[in-house]
Amino acid sequence: MKWIRISVLILCACLVATASGQQSTGNVRNNWSEFHRPEMQRYNPYEVTLNVQNVPSLQLKWSYATGNSVVSSPTVAKGVVYVGSVDGNVYALSATTGAKLWSYATGSYVESSPAVANGVVYVGSGNKNVYAFSLAAPEQK
């Protein structure tokens, strides 16, 4: 019985310590109505092209319509944009014109973002395969 009382006292002490360490709900430092930080400030020391002043003047350079949705992020290497599509294809597009250089049918949806390393493009497909292409056009099956 004595050990139960001791356990309850220890538990109460822990709960009080935890409750007293929580922040009050009064003054909130983060203003969530603004994107990232107050006045749209972001920290990326390598971003020297885009800023709050020139973003409104951006214009569409090109677009390319795949056979279905594109849910992955594109990857750019050596002037080529690589992107997968839910239509089951991996596309290589010219980064300057958007013209299709080649495509490869994987046989299932491609929702993963391509990765490029050592002259090879890697992409996963919904058919449980990972495909590797040289940066040159791949051979179709």
C-alpha atoms as a PDB file:
ATOM      1  CA  MET A   1       0.000   0.000   0.000  1.00  0.00           C
ATOM      2  CA  LYS A   2       2.853   2.324   0.851  1.00  0.00           C
ATOM      3  CA  TRP A   3       4.481   1.799  -2.565  1.00  0.00           C
ATOM      4  CA  ILE A   4       1.193   2.754  -4.266  1.00  0.00           C
ATOM      5  CA  ARG A   5       1.139   6.103  -2.434  1.00  0.00           C
ATOM      6  CA  ILE A   6       4.775   6.729  -3.351  1.00  0.00           C
ATOM      7  CA  SER A   7       4.065   5.857  -7.003  1.00  0.00           C
ATOM      8  CA  VAL A   8       1.069   8.219  -7.089  1.00  0.00           C
ATOM      9  CA  LEU A   9       3.134  11.052  -5.566  1.00  0.00           C
ATOM     10  CA  ILE A  10       5.925  10.527  -8.104  1.00  0.00           C
ATOM     11  CA  LEU A  11       3.402  10.453 -10.952  1.00  0.00           C
ATOM     12  CA  CYS A  12       1.756  13.665  -9.718  1.00  0.00           C
ATOM     13  CA  ALA A  13       5.156  15.367  -9.447  1.00  0.00           C
ATOM     14  CA  CYS A  14       5.969  14.389 -13.029  1.00  0.00           C
ATOM     15  CA  LEU A  15       2.629  15.687 -14.320  1.00  0.00           C
ATOM     16  CA  VAL A  16       3.018  18.992 -12.505  1.00  0.00           C
ATOM     17  CA  ALA A  17       6.544  19.415 -13.906  1.00  0.00           C
ATOM     18  CA  THR A  18       5.331  18.649 -17.415  1.00  0.00           C
ATOM     19  CA  ALA A  19       2.340  20.980 -17.172  1.00  0.00           C
ATOM     20  CA  SER A  20       4.405  23.852 -15.834  1.00  0.00           C
ATOM     21  CA  GLY A  21       6.896  23.497 -18.711  1.00  0.00           C
ATOM     22  CA  GLN A  22       4.269  24.019 -21.413  1.00  0.00           C
ATOM     23  CA  GLN A  23       3.928  27.350 -23.171  1.00  0.00           C
ATOM     24  CA  SER A  24       1.007  29.582 -22.469  1.00  0.00           C
ATOM     25  CA  THR A  25      -1.476  30.093 -25.273  1.00  0.00           C
ATOM     26  CA  GLY A  26      -1.248  33.882 -24.948  1.00  0.00           C
ATOM     27  CA  ASN A  27       1.294  35.683 -27.141  1.00  0.00           C
ATOM     28  CA  VAL A  28       2.165  33.726 -30.275  1.00  0.00           C
ATOM     29  CA  ARG A  29       5.418  34.624 -32.028  1.00  0.00           C
ATOM     30  CA  ASN A  30       4.615  32.980 -35.383  1.00  0.00           C
ATOM     31  CA  ASN A  31       2.268  34.750 -37.745  1.00  0.00           C
ATOM     32  CA  TRP A  32       0.891  31.821 -39.738  1.00  0.00           C
ATOM     33  CA  SER A  33      -1.024  34.106 -42.080  1.00  0.00           C
ATOM     34  CA  GLU A  34       2.221  34.756 -43.958  1.00  0.00           C
ATOM     35  CA  PHE A  35       4.131  32.230 -46.020  1.00  0.00           C
ATOM     36  CA  HIS A  36       7.416  31.126 -44.423  1.00  0.00           C
ATOM     37  CA  ARG A  37       8.271  34.174 -42.298  1.00  0.00           C
ATOM     38  CA  PRO A  38       7.051  37.727 -41.750  1.00  0.00           C
ATOM     39  CA  GLU A  39       7.119  39.813 -44.931  1.00  0.00           C
ATOM     40  CA  MET A  40       7.828  36.697 -47.044  1.00  0.00           C
ATOM     41  CA  GLN A  41      11.423  36.468 -45.823  1.00  0.00           C
ATOM     42  CA  ARG A  42      13.166  33.197 -46.595  1.00  0.00           C
ATOM     43  CA  TYR A  43      16.696  32.105 -46.019  1.00  0.00           C
ATOM     44  CA  ASN A  44      18.482  30.461 -48.914  1.00  0.00           C
ATOM     45  CA  PRO A  45      21.941  31.924 -49.502  1.00  0.00           C
ATOM     46  CA  TYR A  46      22.134  30.282 -52.942  1.00  0.00           C
ATOM     47  CA  GLU A  47      18.940  31.811 -54.318  1.00  0.00           C
ATOM     48  CA  VAL A  48      20.067  34.877 -56.215  1.00  0.00           C
ATOM     49  CA  THR A  49      17.541  34.906 -59.076  1.00  0.00           C
ATOM     50  CA  LEU A  50      14.049  34.884 -57.557  1.00  0.00           C
ATOM     51  CA  ASN A  51      12.823  37.363 -54.995  1.00  0.00           C
ATOM     52  CA  VAL A  52       9.573  38.961 -53.886  1.00  0.00           C
ATOM     53  CA  GLN A  53      10.034  41.863 -56.296  1.00  0.00           C
ATOM     54  CA  ASN A  54      10.542  39.866 -59.520  1.00  0.00           C
ATOM     55  CA  VAL A  55       8.227  36.860 -59.005  1.00  0.00           C
ATOM     56  CA  PRO A  56       5.124  38.751 -60.268  1.00  0.00           C
ATOM     57  CA  SER A  57       6.869  39.340 -63.611  1.00  0.00           C
ATOM     58  CA  LEU A  58       7.589  35.642 -64.295  1.00  0.00           C
ATOM     59  CA  GLN A  59       6.093  34.331 -67.529  1.00  0.00           C
ATOM     60  CA  LEU A  60       5.550  30.835 -68.873  1.00  0.00           C
ATOM     61  CA  LYS A  61       8.492  29.756 -71.042  1.00  0.00           C
ATOM     62  CA  TRP A  62       7.093  26.403 -72.188  1.00  0.00           C
ATOM     63  CA  SER A  63       4.897  23.491 -71.091  1.00  0.00           C
ATOM     64  CA  TYR A  64       4.578  19.857 -72.078  1.00  0.00           C
ATOM     65  CA  ALA A  65       1.400  17.776 -71.748  1.00  0.00           C
ATOM     66  CA  THR A  66       1.936  14.148 -70.719  1.00  0.00           C
ATOM     67  CA  GLY A  67      -0.710  11.451 -71.116  1.00  0.00           C
ATOM     68  CA  ASN A  68      -1.799  11.784 -67.464  1.00  0.00           C
ATOM     69  CA  SER A  69      -0.998  13.608 -64.235  1.00  0.00           C
ATOM     70  CA  VAL A  70       2.517  14.526 -63.179  1.00  0.00           C
ATOM     71  CA  VAL A  71       2.813  14.189 -59.399  1.00  0.00           C
ATOM     72  CA  SER A  72       6.590  13.999 -59.090  1.00  0.00           C
ATOM     73  CA  SER A  73       9.059  16.848 -59.165  1.00  0.00           C
ATOM     74  CA  PRO A  74      11.167  17.200 -62.304  1.00  0.00           C
ATOM     75  CA  THR A  75      14.924  16.787 -62.239  1.00  0.00           C
ATOM     76  CA  VAL A  76      17.236  18.870 -64.439  1.00  0.00           C
ATOM     77  CA  ALA A  77      20.675  17.717 -65.580  1.00  0.00           C
ATOM     78  CA  LYS A  78      22.824  18.942 -68.471  1.00  0.00           C
ATOM     79  CA  GLY A  79      20.010  20.911 -70.097  1.00  0.00           C
ATOM     80  CA  VAL A  80      17.459  18.092 -69.919  1.00  0.00           C
ATOM     81  CA  VAL A  81      14.346  17.914 -67.720  1.00  0.00           C
ATOM     82  CA  TYR A  82      13.457  14.394 -66.548  1.00  0.00           C
ATOM     83  CA  VAL A  83       9.969  13.751 -65.211  1.00  0.00           C
ATOM     84  CA  GLY A  84       7.728  10.755 -64.613  1.00  0.00           C
ATOM     85  CA  SER A  85       4.003  10.639 -65.295  1.00  0.00           C
ATOM     86  CA  VAL A  86       1.050   8.609 -64.079  1.00  0.00           C
ATOM     87  CA  ASP A  87       0.690   7.544 -67.726  1.00  0.00           C
ATOM     88  CA  GLY A  88       3.615   5.168 -67.065  1.00  0.00           C
ATOM     89  CA  ASN A  89       6.272   7.060 -68.978  1.00  0.00           C
ATOM     90  CA  VAL A  90       9.519   8.746 -68.072  1.00  0.00           C
ATOM     91  CA  TYR A  91      10.064  11.828 -70.218  1.00  0.00           C
ATOM     92  CA  ALA A  92      13.241  13.670 -71.182  1.00  0.00           C
ATOM     93  CA  LEU A  93      12.482  17.230 -72.303  1.00  0.00           C
ATOM     94  CA  SER A  94      14.709  20.017 -73.531  1.00  0.00           C
ATOM     95  CA  ALA A  95      15.104  22.491 -70.673  1.00  0.00           C
ATOM     96  CA  THR A  96      15.225  25.425 -73.103  1.00  0.00           C
ATOM     97  CA  THR A  97      12.326  24.564 -75.444  1.00  0.00           C
ATOM     98  CA  GLY A  98      10.272  21.857 -73.712  1.00  0.00           C
ATOM     99  CA  ALA A  99      10.565  19.626 -76.769  1.00  0.00           C
ATOM    100  CA  LYS A 100      10.376  15.895 -76.088  1.00  0.00           C
ATOM    101  CA  LEU A 101      13.784  14.282 -76.535  1.00  0.00           C
ATOM    102  CA  TRP A 102      12.658  10.778 -75.598  1.00  0.00           C
ATOM    103  CA  SER A 103      10.237   8.863 -73.436  1.00  0.00           C
ATOM    104  CA  TYR A 104      10.282   5.391 -71.965  1.00  0.00           C
ATOM    105  CA  ALA A 105       7.217   3.306 -71.067  1.00  0.00           C
ATOM    106  CA  THR A 106       7.748   1.591 -67.705  1.00  0.00           C
ATOM    107  CA  GLY A 107       4.487  -0.355 -67.775  1.00  0.00           C
ATOM    108  CA  SER A 108       3.059   1.313 -64.670  1.00  0.00           C
ATOM    109  CA  TYR A 109       2.575   4.743 -63.136  1.00  0.00           C
ATOM    110  CA  VAL A 110       5.642   6.821 -62.275  1.00  0.00           C
ATOM    111  CA  GLU A 111       5.102   8.984 -59.207  1.00  0.00           C
ATOM    112  CA  SER A 112       8.690   9.171 -57.963  1.00  0.00           C
ATOM    113  CA  SER A 113      10.975  12.057 -58.835  1.00  0.00           C
ATOM    114  CA  PRO A 114      13.886  11.042 -61.062  1.00  0.00           C
ATOM    115  CA  ALA A 115      17.373  11.214 -59.573  1.00  0.00           C
ATOM    116  CA  VAL A 116      20.558  11.795 -61.569  1.00  0.00           C
ATOM    117  CA  ALA A 117      23.993  10.612 -60.471  1.00  0.00           C
ATOM    118  CA  ASN A 118      27.171   9.829 -62.410  1.00  0.00           C
ATOM    119  CA  GLY A 119      25.527  10.161 -65.819  1.00  0.00           C
ATOM    120  CA  VAL A 120      22.578   7.890 -64.952  1.00  0.00           C
ATOM    121  CA  VAL A 121      18.890   8.791 -64.459  1.00  0.00           C
ATOM    122  CA  TYR A 122      17.111   6.653 -61.829  1.00  0.00           C
ATOM    123  CA  VAL A 123      13.342   6.467 -61.406  1.00  0.00           C
ATOM    124  CA  GLY A 124      10.953   4.143 -59.589  1.00  0.00           C
ATOM    125  CA  SER A 125       7.716   2.834 -61.086  1.00  0.00           C
ATOM    126  CA  GLY A 126       4.482   1.432 -59.674  1.00  0.00           C
ATOM    127  CA  ASN A 127       5.367  -1.994 -61.064  1.00  0.00           C
ATOM    128  CA  LYS A 128       7.916  -2.345 -58.231  1.00  0.00           C
ATOM    129  CA  ASN A 129      10.882  -1.722 -60.531  1.00  0.00           C
ATOM    130  CA  VAL A 130      13.614   0.887 -60.483  1.00  0.00           C
ATOM    131  CA  TYR A 131      14.815   1.976 -63.908  1.00  0.00           C
ATOM    132  CA  ALA A 132      18.249   3.365 -64.756  1.00  0.00           C
ATOM    133  CA  PHE A 133      18.881   5.256 -67.994  1.00  0.00           C
ATOM    134  CA  SER A 134      22.068   6.756 -69.363  1.00  0.00           C
ATOM    135  CA  LEU A 135      21.727  10.482 -69.966  1.00  0.00           C
ATOM    136  CA  ALA A 136      21.549   9.642 -73.681  1.00  0.00           C
ATOM    137  CA  ALA A 137      18.245   8.309 -75.061  1.00  0.00           C
ATOM    138  CA  PRO A 138      17.462   4.806 -73.747  1.00  0.00           C
ATOM    139  CA  GLU A 139      16.618   1.875 -75.930  1.00  0.00           C
ATOM    140  CA  GLN A 140      12.948   0.868 -75.876  1.00  0.00           C
ATOM    141  CA  LYS A 141      12.058  -2.736 -75.091  1.00  0.00           C
END
